[in-house]
Amino acid sequence: MAEIILNVEVRERTGTGGARETRRAGLVPGVLYGGDKDPVAISVKANEFRKALYTGKLLGHLVTLKHGAETQPVIAKVVDMHPVTDEPIHFDLYRVDAHQEIKIEVPVHFSNQEASPGLKRGGALNIALHTLNISCHADEIPEEIVHDLTGLDIGGAVHISDLKLPKGVKAVLSGETVVASIAAAKVEVEIEGEGEASEGGAA
């Protein structure tokens, strides 16, 4: 079962004015999409929504929406934040079945950087994909994909096919897609006599 439960209320007023009114009442406005039903304007108490958001297990995870005695598994895909206060101001939820096959992005992280010969020699880790688009059941979304950099040298690359994905999880992009690589550090070399030659030319 989902770890997070969002207790929602159905909003009567929609649009910009309705959203402002909802926020003034201490609620975060949102919309419930998906399935074979029409979108529904909803809201969640601001303190409860912040608590769920800051667990790090709201976005991109299966959570339970609760309205009265009714419950529904949903995925939170979008949360808009205020540019100044950094408070949540709107969210989008999508109805799903717990065992439904879905596509979603999960973060990619790298471990054992100290065991990479390329990084030890001053190379730079260039990350091409910070998130990976995967296909899996809604109740089997991994928290993250972690790749071990042990042994990776300068000029080496990590491809999607190199990632160890959990059982039942498939990458959407081609296995040849580069996730990260190690490049040699840039070195600036001053050429001796360059200034003298320029002066000589000017004479």
N, C-alpha and C. Protein backbone atom coordinates (compact mmCIF):
# COMPACT_ATOMS: atom_id res chain seq x y z
N MET A 1 0.85 -1.19 0.00
CA MET A 1 0.00 0.00 0.00
C MET A 1 0.89 1.24 0.00
N ALA A 2 0.39 2.32 -0.55
CA ALA A 2 1.18 3.55 -0.63
C ALA A 2 1.47 4.07 0.78
N GLU A 3 2.62 4.70 0.95
CA GLU A 3 3.01 5.22 2.24
C GLU A 3 2.35 6.55 2.53
N ILE A 4 2.00 7.29 1.49
CA ILE A 4 1.44 8.64 1.66
C ILE A 4 -0.04 8.65 1.33
N ILE A 5 -0.83 9.27 2.19
CA ILE A 5 -2.26 9.43 1.95
C ILE A 5 -2.56 10.92 1.86
N LEU A 6 -3.19 11.35 0.79
CA LEU A 6 -3.61 12.73 0.61
C LEU A 6 -5.12 12.82 0.82
N ASN A 7 -5.53 13.52 1.85
CA ASN A 7 -6.94 13.75 2.11
C ASN A 7 -7.38 14.97 1.30
N VAL A 8 -8.25 14.77 0.33
CA VAL A 8 -8.61 15.85 -0.58
C VAL A 8 -10.05 16.30 -0.40
N GLU A 9 -10.29 17.53 -0.81
CA GLU A 9 -11.64 18.08 -0.89
C GLU A 9 -11.90 18.45 -2.34
N VAL A 10 -13.13 18.36 -2.77
CA VAL A 10 -13.49 18.76 -4.13
C VAL A 10 -13.75 20.26 -4.12
N ARG A 11 -13.11 20.97 -5.07
CA ARG A 11 -13.28 22.43 -5.16
C ARG A 11 -14.48 22.76 -6.04
N GLU A 12 -15.27 23.69 -5.57
CA GLU A 12 -16.43 24.14 -6.35
C GLU A 12 -16.00 25.15 -7.41
N ARG A 13 -15.13 26.08 -7.00
CA ARG A 13 -14.67 27.13 -7.92
C ARG A 13 -13.37 26.72 -8.58
N THR A 14 -13.27 26.95 -9.88
CA THR A 14 -12.04 26.65 -10.62
C THR A 14 -11.51 27.95 -11.23
N GLY A 15 -10.44 27.85 -11.99
CA GLY A 15 -9.85 29.03 -12.60
C GLY A 15 -8.95 29.77 -11.62
N THR A 16 -8.39 30.90 -12.09
CA THR A 16 -7.43 31.67 -11.28
C THR A 16 -8.06 32.17 -9.98
N GLY A 17 -9.29 32.70 -10.08
CA GLY A 17 -9.96 33.21 -8.88
C GLY A 17 -10.22 32.12 -7.86
N GLY A 18 -10.65 30.96 -8.35
CA GLY A 18 -10.91 29.84 -7.45
C GLY A 18 -9.65 29.34 -6.78
N ALA A 19 -8.54 29.34 -7.53
CA ALA A 19 -7.26 28.88 -6.97
C ALA A 19 -6.79 29.84 -5.87
N ARG A 20 -6.94 31.15 -6.11
CA ARG A 20 -6.54 32.14 -5.09
C ARG A 20 -7.38 31.98 -3.83
N GLU A 21 -8.66 31.80 -4.01
CA GLU A 21 -9.57 31.62 -2.88
C GLU A 21 -9.18 30.38 -2.07
N THR A 22 -8.81 29.30 -2.79
CA THR A 22 -8.39 28.06 -2.14
C THR A 22 -7.13 28.29 -1.31
N ARG A 23 -6.15 29.01 -1.87
CA ARG A 23 -4.91 29.26 -1.13
C ARG A 23 -5.15 30.12 0.10
N ARG A 24 -6.05 31.11 -0.03
CA ARG A 24 -6.35 31.97 1.12
C ARG A 24 -6.98 31.17 2.26
N ALA A 25 -7.63 30.05 1.92
CA ALA A 25 -8.25 29.19 2.93
C ALA A 25 -7.26 28.19 3.52
N GLY A 26 -5.98 28.33 3.16
CA GLY A 26 -4.96 27.43 3.71
C GLY A 26 -4.89 26.09 3.02
N LEU A 27 -5.31 26.04 1.76
CA LEU A 27 -5.31 24.81 0.98
C LEU A 27 -4.44 24.97 -0.27
N VAL A 28 -3.97 23.86 -0.80
CA VAL A 28 -3.23 23.86 -2.06
C VAL A 28 -4.17 23.31 -3.14
N PRO A 29 -4.45 24.10 -4.19
CA PRO A 29 -5.34 23.62 -5.25
C PRO A 29 -4.64 22.63 -6.18
N GLY A 30 -5.41 21.70 -6.73
CA GLY A 30 -4.86 20.73 -7.67
C GLY A 30 -5.96 20.21 -8.58
N VAL A 31 -5.55 19.34 -9.50
CA VAL A 31 -6.50 18.72 -10.43
C VAL A 31 -6.20 17.23 -10.50
N LEU A 32 -7.24 16.41 -10.48
CA LEU A 32 -7.12 14.96 -10.62
C LEU A 32 -7.49 14.59 -12.06
N TYR A 33 -6.55 13.97 -12.77
CA TYR A 33 -6.74 13.59 -14.17
C TYR A 33 -6.71 12.07 -14.31
N GLY A 34 -6.97 11.62 -15.55
CA GLY A 34 -6.70 10.24 -15.93
C GLY A 34 -7.87 9.30 -15.81
N GLY A 35 -7.61 8.08 -16.29
CA GLY A 35 -8.64 7.06 -16.28
C GLY A 35 -9.73 7.40 -17.28
N ASP A 36 -10.91 6.86 -17.05
CA ASP A 36 -12.03 7.12 -17.96
C ASP A 36 -12.99 8.14 -17.36
N LYS A 37 -12.48 8.94 -16.42
CA LYS A 37 -13.32 9.95 -15.77
C LYS A 37 -12.85 11.35 -16.13
N ASP A 38 -13.72 12.32 -15.94
CA ASP A 38 -13.39 13.71 -16.22
C ASP A 38 -12.43 14.25 -15.16
N PRO A 39 -11.65 15.30 -15.50
CA PRO A 39 -10.80 15.93 -14.50
C PRO A 39 -11.64 16.50 -13.36
N VAL A 40 -11.11 16.46 -12.15
CA VAL A 40 -11.81 16.96 -10.97
C VAL A 40 -10.91 17.96 -10.25
N ALA A 41 -11.44 19.15 -9.95
CA ALA A 41 -10.70 20.15 -9.19
C ALA A 41 -10.73 19.77 -7.72
N ILE A 42 -9.54 19.66 -7.12
CA ILE A 42 -9.44 19.22 -5.72
C ILE A 42 -8.51 20.15 -4.95
N SER A 43 -8.42 19.92 -3.66
CA SER A 43 -7.48 20.67 -2.82
C SER A 43 -7.06 19.82 -1.63
N VAL A 44 -5.89 20.16 -1.07
CA VAL A 44 -5.37 19.47 0.11
C VAL A 44 -4.91 20.54 1.10
N LYS A 45 -5.09 20.30 2.39
CA LYS A 45 -4.60 21.25 3.40
C LYS A 45 -3.12 21.50 3.18
N ALA A 46 -2.73 22.78 3.19
CA ALA A 46 -1.36 23.17 2.84
C ALA A 46 -0.32 22.47 3.73
N ASN A 47 -0.57 22.39 5.04
CA ASN A 47 0.42 21.77 5.93
C ASN A 47 0.56 20.28 5.65
N GLU A 48 -0.55 19.61 5.33
CA GLU A 48 -0.48 18.18 5.01
C GLU A 48 0.24 17.96 3.68
N PHE A 49 -0.02 18.85 2.71
CA PHE A 49 0.62 18.69 1.41
C PHE A 49 2.13 18.92 1.51
N ARG A 50 2.53 19.96 2.26
CA ARG A 50 3.96 20.22 2.45
C ARG A 50 4.64 19.04 3.11
N LYS A 51 3.99 18.47 4.13
CA LYS A 51 4.56 17.32 4.84
C LYS A 51 4.78 16.16 3.89
N ALA A 52 3.79 15.89 3.03
CA ALA A 52 3.91 14.79 2.05
C ALA A 52 4.99 15.08 1.03
N LEU A 53 5.06 16.34 0.58
CA LEU A 53 6.03 16.72 -0.44
C LEU A 53 7.45 16.59 0.07
N TYR A 54 7.69 17.04 1.31
CA TYR A 54 9.05 17.07 1.84
C TYR A 54 9.55 15.70 2.30
N THR A 55 8.69 14.69 2.24
CA THR A 55 9.21 13.33 2.49
C THR A 55 10.05 12.86 1.32
N GLY A 56 9.89 13.51 0.16
CA GLY A 56 10.59 13.08 -1.05
C GLY A 56 9.92 11.90 -1.71
N LYS A 57 8.77 11.48 -1.19
CA LYS A 57 8.09 10.30 -1.73
C LYS A 57 6.71 10.63 -2.29
N LEU A 58 6.54 11.87 -2.69
CA LEU A 58 5.27 12.27 -3.29
C LEU A 58 5.38 12.26 -4.82
N LEU A 59 6.28 13.07 -5.34
CA LEU A 59 6.44 13.14 -6.79
C LEU A 59 6.97 11.84 -7.36
N GLY A 60 6.30 11.33 -8.37
CA GLY A 60 6.78 10.13 -9.04
C GLY A 60 6.58 8.84 -8.27
N HIS A 61 5.73 8.85 -7.25
CA HIS A 61 5.47 7.65 -6.47
C HIS A 61 3.97 7.38 -6.42
N LEU A 62 3.65 6.15 -6.15
CA LEU A 62 2.25 5.77 -5.98
C LEU A 62 1.81 6.22 -4.59
N VAL A 63 0.76 7.04 -4.54
CA VAL A 63 0.21 7.49 -3.26
C VAL A 63 -1.30 7.23 -3.26
N THR A 64 -1.90 7.35 -2.10
CA THR A 64 -3.34 7.11 -1.99
C THR A 64 -4.08 8.43 -1.82
N LEU A 65 -5.03 8.67 -2.69
CA LEU A 65 -5.91 9.83 -2.58
C LEU A 65 -7.14 9.37 -1.79
N LYS A 66 -7.54 10.15 -0.79
CA LYS A 66 -8.70 9.79 0.02
C LYS A 66 -9.70 10.94 0.03
N HIS A 67 -10.95 10.61 -0.32
CA HIS A 67 -12.03 11.59 -0.28
C HIS A 67 -13.20 10.94 0.44
N GLY A 68 -13.37 11.34 1.69
CA GLY A 68 -14.39 10.67 2.52
C GLY A 68 -13.99 9.22 2.74
N ALA A 69 -14.89 8.30 2.39
CA ALA A 69 -14.61 6.87 2.55
C ALA A 69 -13.97 6.27 1.30
N GLU A 70 -13.88 7.06 0.23
CA GLU A 70 -13.33 6.57 -1.04
C GLU A 70 -11.82 6.76 -1.10
N THR A 71 -11.14 5.77 -1.66
CA THR A 71 -9.70 5.87 -1.88
C THR A 71 -9.38 5.54 -3.33
N GLN A 72 -8.27 6.09 -3.81
CA GLN A 72 -7.88 5.89 -5.20
C GLN A 72 -6.35 5.99 -5.30
N PRO A 73 -5.68 4.97 -5.90
CA PRO A 73 -4.24 5.10 -6.11
C PRO A 73 -3.98 6.13 -7.21
N VAL A 74 -3.02 7.03 -6.94
CA VAL A 74 -2.70 8.08 -7.90
C VAL A 74 -1.19 8.27 -7.96
N ILE A 75 -0.77 8.95 -9.02
CA ILE A 75 0.63 9.36 -9.17
C ILE A 75 0.66 10.88 -9.22
N ALA A 76 1.52 11.49 -8.41
CA ALA A 76 1.71 12.94 -8.47
C ALA A 76 2.83 13.22 -9.47
N LYS A 77 2.50 13.89 -10.57
CA LYS A 77 3.51 14.12 -11.61
C LYS A 77 4.00 15.56 -11.66
N VAL A 78 3.18 16.51 -11.22
CA VAL A 78 3.55 17.92 -11.31
C VAL A 78 3.20 18.63 -10.01
N VAL A 79 4.17 19.37 -9.47
CA VAL A 79 3.92 20.26 -8.34
C VAL A 79 4.54 21.61 -8.69
N ASP A 80 3.73 22.65 -8.77
CA ASP A 80 4.23 24.00 -9.05
C ASP A 80 4.56 24.70 -7.74
N MET A 81 5.75 25.34 -7.71
CA MET A 81 6.19 26.04 -6.51
C MET A 81 6.21 27.55 -6.76
N HIS A 82 5.95 28.33 -5.70
CA HIS A 82 6.00 29.78 -5.81
C HIS A 82 7.46 30.21 -6.00
N PRO A 83 7.74 31.08 -6.98
CA PRO A 83 9.14 31.44 -7.27
C PRO A 83 9.85 32.17 -6.14
N VAL A 84 9.11 32.81 -5.25
CA VAL A 84 9.74 33.58 -4.17
C VAL A 84 9.71 32.81 -2.85
N THR A 85 8.53 32.34 -2.47
CA THR A 85 8.38 31.67 -1.17
C THR A 85 8.76 30.20 -1.22
N ASP A 86 8.83 29.62 -2.42
CA ASP A 86 9.13 28.20 -2.61
C ASP A 86 8.09 27.31 -1.94
N GLU A 87 6.87 27.81 -1.83
CA GLU A 87 5.76 27.03 -1.28
C GLU A 87 4.98 26.40 -2.43
N PRO A 88 4.43 25.20 -2.24
CA PRO A 88 3.61 24.58 -3.30
C PRO A 88 2.34 25.38 -3.55
N ILE A 89 2.04 25.66 -4.82
CA ILE A 89 0.86 26.46 -5.15
C ILE A 89 -0.13 25.72 -6.04
N HIS A 90 0.27 24.59 -6.61
CA HIS A 90 -0.64 23.80 -7.45
C HIS A 90 -0.04 22.43 -7.69
N PHE A 91 -0.89 21.41 -7.92
CA PHE A 91 -0.39 20.07 -8.20
C PHE A 91 -1.33 19.35 -9.15
N ASP A 92 -0.78 18.37 -9.85
CA ASP A 92 -1.56 17.51 -10.74
C ASP A 92 -1.41 16.06 -10.29
N LEU A 93 -2.53 15.36 -10.13
CA LEU A 93 -2.53 13.94 -9.81
C LEU A 93 -3.14 13.16 -10.97
N TYR A 94 -2.68 11.94 -11.16
CA TYR A 94 -3.20 11.08 -12.24
C TYR A 94 -3.69 9.76 -11.66
N ARG A 95 -4.93 9.41 -12.01
CA ARG A 95 -5.49 8.14 -11.55
C ARG A 95 -4.76 6.98 -12.21
N VAL A 96 -4.46 5.95 -11.45
CA VAL A 96 -3.83 4.75 -12.00
C VAL A 96 -4.37 3.53 -11.26
N ASP A 97 -4.14 2.38 -11.84
CA ASP A 97 -4.35 1.12 -11.13
C ASP A 97 -3.00 0.73 -10.55
N ALA A 98 -2.98 0.17 -9.34
CA ALA A 98 -1.71 -0.15 -8.68
C ALA A 98 -0.81 -1.03 -9.53
N HIS A 99 -1.39 -1.89 -10.37
CA HIS A 99 -0.59 -2.81 -11.18
C HIS A 99 -0.53 -2.38 -12.65
N GLN A 100 -0.96 -1.15 -12.91
CA GLN A 100 -0.95 -0.63 -14.27
C GLN A 100 0.47 -0.33 -14.73
N GLU A 101 0.76 -0.64 -15.99
CA GLU A 101 2.08 -0.31 -16.56
C GLU A 101 2.09 1.17 -16.91
N ILE A 102 3.07 1.89 -16.35
CA ILE A 102 3.15 3.33 -16.60
C ILE A 102 4.58 3.70 -17.03
N LYS A 103 4.71 4.89 -17.59
CA LYS A 103 6.02 5.45 -17.92
C LYS A 103 6.25 6.64 -17.01
N ILE A 104 7.43 6.70 -16.41
CA ILE A 104 7.73 7.76 -15.45
C ILE A 104 9.24 7.97 -15.37
N GLU A 105 9.66 9.16 -14.96
CA GLU A 105 11.09 9.45 -14.82
C GLU A 105 11.51 9.26 -13.37
N VAL A 106 12.69 8.63 -13.19
CA VAL A 106 13.26 8.47 -11.85
C VAL A 106 14.68 9.00 -11.87
N PRO A 107 15.19 9.49 -10.74
CA PRO A 107 16.54 10.06 -10.71
C PRO A 107 17.63 8.99 -10.88
N VAL A 108 18.74 9.42 -11.50
CA VAL A 108 19.91 8.56 -11.67
C VAL A 108 21.04 9.13 -10.81
N HIS A 109 21.64 8.28 -9.98
CA HIS A 109 22.76 8.70 -9.14
C HIS A 109 23.95 7.78 -9.36
N PHE A 110 25.13 8.25 -8.96
CA PHE A 110 26.36 7.51 -9.19
C PHE A 110 27.10 7.30 -7.88
N SER A 111 27.51 6.04 -7.64
CA SER A 111 28.20 5.69 -6.40
C SER A 111 29.67 5.36 -6.68
N ASN A 112 30.45 5.31 -5.61
CA ASN A 112 31.87 4.93 -5.65
C ASN A 112 32.68 5.77 -6.64
N GLN A 113 32.46 7.07 -6.62
CA GLN A 113 33.24 7.95 -7.50
C GLN A 113 34.73 7.91 -7.14
N GLU A 114 35.01 7.66 -5.84
CA GLU A 114 36.41 7.60 -5.40
C GLU A 114 37.13 6.36 -5.95
N ALA A 115 36.36 5.38 -6.48
CA ALA A 115 36.97 4.17 -7.04
C ALA A 115 37.07 4.23 -8.56
N SER A 116 36.84 5.40 -9.13
CA SER A 116 36.97 5.58 -10.58
C SER A 116 38.36 6.09 -10.91
N PRO A 117 39.18 5.32 -11.65
CA PRO A 117 40.51 5.78 -12.03
C PRO A 117 40.48 7.11 -12.77
N GLY A 118 39.48 7.29 -13.63
CA GLY A 118 39.39 8.53 -14.40
C GLY A 118 39.19 9.75 -13.52
N LEU A 119 38.33 9.63 -12.51
CA LEU A 119 38.09 10.75 -11.61
C LEU A 119 39.29 10.97 -10.69
N LYS A 120 39.98 9.90 -10.30
CA LYS A 120 41.18 10.02 -9.48
C LYS A 120 42.26 10.80 -10.21
N ARG A 121 42.32 10.65 -11.52
CA ARG A 121 43.35 11.33 -12.33
C ARG A 121 42.92 12.73 -12.74
N GLY A 122 41.84 13.23 -12.17
CA GLY A 122 41.43 14.60 -12.45
C GLY A 122 40.39 14.74 -13.54
N GLY A 123 39.87 13.62 -14.02
CA GLY A 123 38.84 13.69 -15.06
C GLY A 123 37.54 14.26 -14.51
N ALA A 124 36.68 14.70 -15.42
CA ALA A 124 35.39 15.29 -15.02
C ALA A 124 34.25 14.37 -15.40
N LEU A 125 33.31 14.18 -14.47
CA LEU A 125 32.14 13.36 -14.75
C LEU A 125 31.08 14.21 -15.44
N ASN A 126 30.80 13.90 -16.68
CA ASN A 126 29.77 14.62 -17.44
C ASN A 126 28.50 13.79 -17.44
N ILE A 127 27.47 14.29 -16.79
CA ILE A 127 26.19 13.56 -16.68
C ILE A 127 25.24 14.03 -17.78
N ALA A 128 24.88 13.13 -18.66
CA ALA A 128 23.97 13.46 -19.76
C ALA A 128 22.51 13.29 -19.35
N LEU A 129 22.24 12.30 -18.50
CA LEU A 129 20.87 12.04 -18.05
C LEU A 129 20.82 12.05 -16.53
N HIS A 130 20.16 13.05 -15.96
CA HIS A 130 19.99 13.10 -14.50
C HIS A 130 18.78 12.28 -14.08
N THR A 131 17.88 12.03 -15.03
CA THR A 131 16.71 11.16 -14.77
C THR A 131 16.59 10.16 -15.90
N LEU A 132 15.99 9.03 -15.61
CA LEU A 132 15.79 7.98 -16.61
C LEU A 132 14.31 7.72 -16.79
N ASN A 133 13.86 7.74 -18.03
CA ASN A 133 12.46 7.45 -18.34
C ASN A 133 12.29 5.93 -18.38
N ILE A 134 11.46 5.42 -17.49
CA ILE A 134 11.31 3.97 -17.37
C ILE A 134 9.85 3.56 -17.55
N SER A 135 9.65 2.26 -17.76
CA SER A 135 8.32 1.67 -17.83
C SER A 135 8.26 0.59 -16.76
N CYS A 136 7.23 0.63 -15.92
CA CYS A 136 7.09 -0.38 -14.86
C CYS A 136 5.66 -0.31 -14.32
N HIS A 137 5.33 -1.24 -13.41
CA HIS A 137 4.04 -1.20 -12.75
C HIS A 137 4.02 -0.04 -11.76
N ALA A 138 2.85 0.57 -11.59
CA ALA A 138 2.73 1.75 -10.74
C ALA A 138 3.15 1.48 -9.30
N ASP A 139 3.02 0.24 -8.83
CA ASP A 139 3.40 -0.08 -7.45
C ASP A 139 4.83 -0.61 -7.34
N GLU A 140 5.61 -0.51 -8.42
CA GLU A 140 6.99 -0.99 -8.40
C GLU A 140 7.96 0.09 -8.90
N ILE A 141 7.61 1.35 -8.69
CA ILE A 141 8.49 2.44 -9.13
C ILE A 141 9.70 2.51 -8.21
N PRO A 142 10.92 2.39 -8.75
CA PRO A 142 12.10 2.47 -7.88
C PRO A 142 12.34 3.91 -7.39
N GLU A 143 12.93 4.04 -6.21
CA GLU A 143 13.25 5.36 -5.67
C GLU A 143 14.26 6.08 -6.56
N GLU A 144 15.23 5.32 -7.07
CA GLU A 144 16.31 5.87 -7.87
C GLU A 144 17.02 4.73 -8.60
N ILE A 145 17.83 5.11 -9.57
CA ILE A 145 18.70 4.15 -10.25
C ILE A 145 20.13 4.55 -9.90
N VAL A 146 20.88 3.65 -9.29
CA VAL A 146 22.25 3.95 -8.87
C VAL A 146 23.23 3.14 -9.70
N HIS A 147 24.25 3.82 -10.26
CA HIS A 147 25.28 3.11 -11.03
C HIS A 147 26.63 3.25 -10.34
N ASP A 148 27.36 2.13 -10.25
CA ASP A 148 28.67 2.08 -9.62
C ASP A 148 29.75 2.49 -10.63
N LEU A 149 30.52 3.53 -10.28
CA LEU A 149 31.56 4.05 -11.19
C LEU A 149 32.92 3.37 -11.01
N THR A 150 32.98 2.34 -10.18
CA THR A 150 34.24 1.64 -9.95
C THR A 150 34.86 1.17 -11.28
N GLY A 151 36.12 1.54 -11.50
CA GLY A 151 36.85 1.09 -12.69
C GLY A 151 36.68 1.95 -13.92
N LEU A 152 35.81 2.93 -13.89
CA LEU A 152 35.58 3.76 -15.08
C LEU A 152 36.71 4.77 -15.24
N ASP A 153 37.35 4.75 -16.41
CA ASP A 153 38.51 5.59 -16.65
C ASP A 153 38.15 6.75 -17.57
N ILE A 154 39.11 7.64 -17.80
CA ILE A 154 38.92 8.76 -18.72
C ILE A 154 38.60 8.21 -20.12
N GLY A 155 37.59 8.79 -20.73
CA GLY A 155 37.15 8.31 -22.05
C GLY A 155 36.06 7.26 -21.95
N GLY A 156 35.84 6.76 -20.74
CA GLY A 156 34.81 5.74 -20.55
C GLY A 156 33.43 6.35 -20.46
N ALA A 157 32.42 5.57 -20.79
CA ALA A 157 31.04 6.06 -20.76
C ALA A 157 30.12 5.02 -20.15
N VAL A 158 29.05 5.50 -19.56
CA VAL A 158 28.00 4.64 -19.00
C VAL A 158 26.80 4.75 -19.93
N HIS A 159 26.37 3.61 -20.49
CA HIS A 159 25.20 3.58 -21.36
C HIS A 159 24.00 3.02 -20.58
N ILE A 160 22.81 3.27 -21.09
CA ILE A 160 21.61 2.76 -20.43
C ILE A 160 21.69 1.24 -20.26
N SER A 161 22.28 0.57 -21.23
CA SER A 161 22.40 -0.89 -21.15
C SER A 161 23.31 -1.33 -20.00
N ASP A 162 24.15 -0.42 -19.47
CA ASP A 162 25.04 -0.74 -18.36
C ASP A 162 24.34 -0.63 -17.01
N LEU A 163 23.20 0.03 -16.97
CA LEU A 163 22.50 0.24 -15.70
C LEU A 163 21.83 -1.05 -15.22
N LYS A 164 21.89 -1.29 -13.93
CA LYS A 164 21.22 -2.45 -13.34
C LYS A 164 19.82 -2.02 -12.90
N LEU A 165 18.83 -2.37 -13.69
CA LEU A 165 17.46 -1.98 -13.39
C LEU A 165 16.78 -3.08 -12.57
N PRO A 166 15.92 -2.69 -11.65
CA PRO A 166 15.19 -3.70 -10.85
C PRO A 166 14.33 -4.57 -11.75
N LYS A 167 13.97 -5.74 -11.26
CA LYS A 167 13.12 -6.66 -12.00
C LYS A 167 11.79 -5.99 -12.36
N GLY A 168 11.40 -6.14 -13.60
CA GLY A 168 10.14 -5.56 -14.05
C GLY A 168 10.24 -4.14 -14.52
N VAL A 169 11.44 -3.53 -14.42
CA VAL A 169 11.64 -2.14 -14.85
C VAL A 169 12.41 -2.13 -16.16
N LYS A 170 11.89 -1.40 -17.14
CA LYS A 170 12.53 -1.30 -18.45
C LYS A 170 12.78 0.17 -18.80
N ALA A 171 13.92 0.43 -19.43
CA ALA A 171 14.22 1.79 -19.89
C ALA A 171 13.46 2.05 -21.18
N VAL A 172 12.97 3.27 -21.34
CA VAL A 172 12.22 3.63 -22.53
C VAL A 172 13.17 3.95 -23.69
N LEU A 173 14.29 4.61 -23.39
CA LEU A 173 15.25 4.97 -24.43
C LEU A 173 16.12 3.78 -24.81
N SER A 174 16.82 3.91 -25.95
CA SER A 174 17.71 2.85 -26.44
C SER A 174 18.83 2.57 -25.45
N GLY A 175 19.26 1.31 -25.38
CA GLY A 175 20.34 0.92 -24.49
C GLY A 175 21.66 1.57 -24.84
N GLU A 176 21.80 2.08 -26.07
CA GLU A 176 23.05 2.73 -26.50
C GLU A 176 23.14 4.18 -26.04
N THR A 177 22.06 4.71 -25.50
CA THR A 177 22.05 6.10 -25.05
C THR A 177 23.05 6.30 -23.91
N VAL A 178 23.87 7.33 -24.02
CA VAL A 178 24.88 7.62 -23.00
C VAL A 178 24.23 8.32 -21.81
N VAL A 179 24.51 7.79 -20.62
CA VAL A 179 23.99 8.37 -19.38
C VAL A 179 25.02 9.33 -18.78
N ALA A 180 26.29 8.92 -18.81
CA ALA A 180 27.37 9.74 -18.27
C ALA A 180 28.70 9.29 -18.88
N SER A 181 29.69 10.17 -18.80
CA SER A 181 31.03 9.83 -19.31
C SER A 181 32.06 10.59 -18.51
N ILE A 182 33.32 10.15 -18.62
CA ILE A 182 34.42 10.83 -17.93
C ILE A 182 35.34 11.44 -18.98
N ALA A 183 35.49 12.75 -18.93
CA ALA A 183 36.33 13.47 -19.87
C ALA A 183 37.60 13.93 -19.18
N ALA A 184 38.68 14.05 -19.95
CA ALA A 184 39.94 14.54 -19.40
C ALA A 184 39.78 16.00 -18.99
N ALA A 185 40.47 16.37 -17.92
CA ALA A 185 40.42 17.76 -17.47
C ALA A 185 41.09 18.66 -18.49
N LYS A 186 40.52 19.84 -18.70
CA LYS A 186 41.11 20.79 -19.65
C LYS A 186 42.36 21.42 -19.05
N VAL A 187 43.42 21.46 -19.83
CA VAL A 187 44.68 22.04 -19.37
C VAL A 187 45.07 23.17 -20.31
N GLU A 188 45.29 24.35 -19.75
CA GLU A 188 45.72 25.48 -20.57
C GLU A 188 47.24 25.51 -20.63
N VAL A 189 47.79 25.52 -21.84
CA VAL A 189 49.24 25.51 -22.04
C VAL A 189 49.67 26.83 -22.66
N GLU A 190 50.61 27.50 -22.02
CA GLU A 190 51.13 28.76 -22.56
C GLU A 190 52.33 28.45 -23.45
N ILE A 191 52.29 28.89 -24.67
CA ILE A 191 53.37 28.61 -25.62
C ILE A 191 54.48 29.64 -25.45
N GLU A 192 55.69 29.16 -25.12
CA GLU A 192 56.83 30.06 -24.90
C GLU A 192 57.21 30.77 -26.19
N GLY A 193 57.55 32.05 -26.05
CA GLY A 193 58.02 32.80 -27.19
C GLY A 193 56.91 33.35 -28.06
N GLU A 194 55.63 33.05 -27.69
CA GLU A 194 54.52 33.51 -28.53
C GLU A 194 54.46 35.03 -28.54
N GLY A 195 54.65 35.63 -27.34
CA GLY A 195 54.61 37.08 -27.25
C GLY A 195 55.76 37.73 -27.99
N GLU A 196 56.96 37.12 -27.90
CA GLU A 196 58.15 37.68 -28.58
C GLU A 196 57.95 37.65 -30.08
N ALA A 197 57.35 36.55 -30.58
CA ALA A 197 57.16 36.44 -32.02
C ALA A 197 56.19 37.51 -32.51
N SER A 198 55.18 37.78 -31.68
CA SER A 198 54.21 38.81 -32.07
C SER A 198 54.87 40.18 -32.14
N GLU A 199 55.77 40.44 -31.14
CA GLU A 199 56.45 41.72 -31.15
C GLU A 199 57.36 41.87 -32.36
N GLY A 200 58.03 40.74 -32.68
CA GLY A 200 58.93 40.77 -33.83
C GLY A 200 58.18 41.02 -35.10
N GLY A 201 56.98 40.45 -35.19
CA GLY A 201 56.19 40.62 -36.39
C GLY A 201 55.75 42.06 -36.55
N ALA A 202 55.47 42.68 -35.39
CA ALA A 202 54.98 44.05 -35.45
C ALA A 202 56.08 45.00 -35.91
N ALA A 203 57.34 44.65 -35.59
CA ALA A 203 58.46 45.52 -36.00
C ALA A 203 58.65 45.41 -37.50
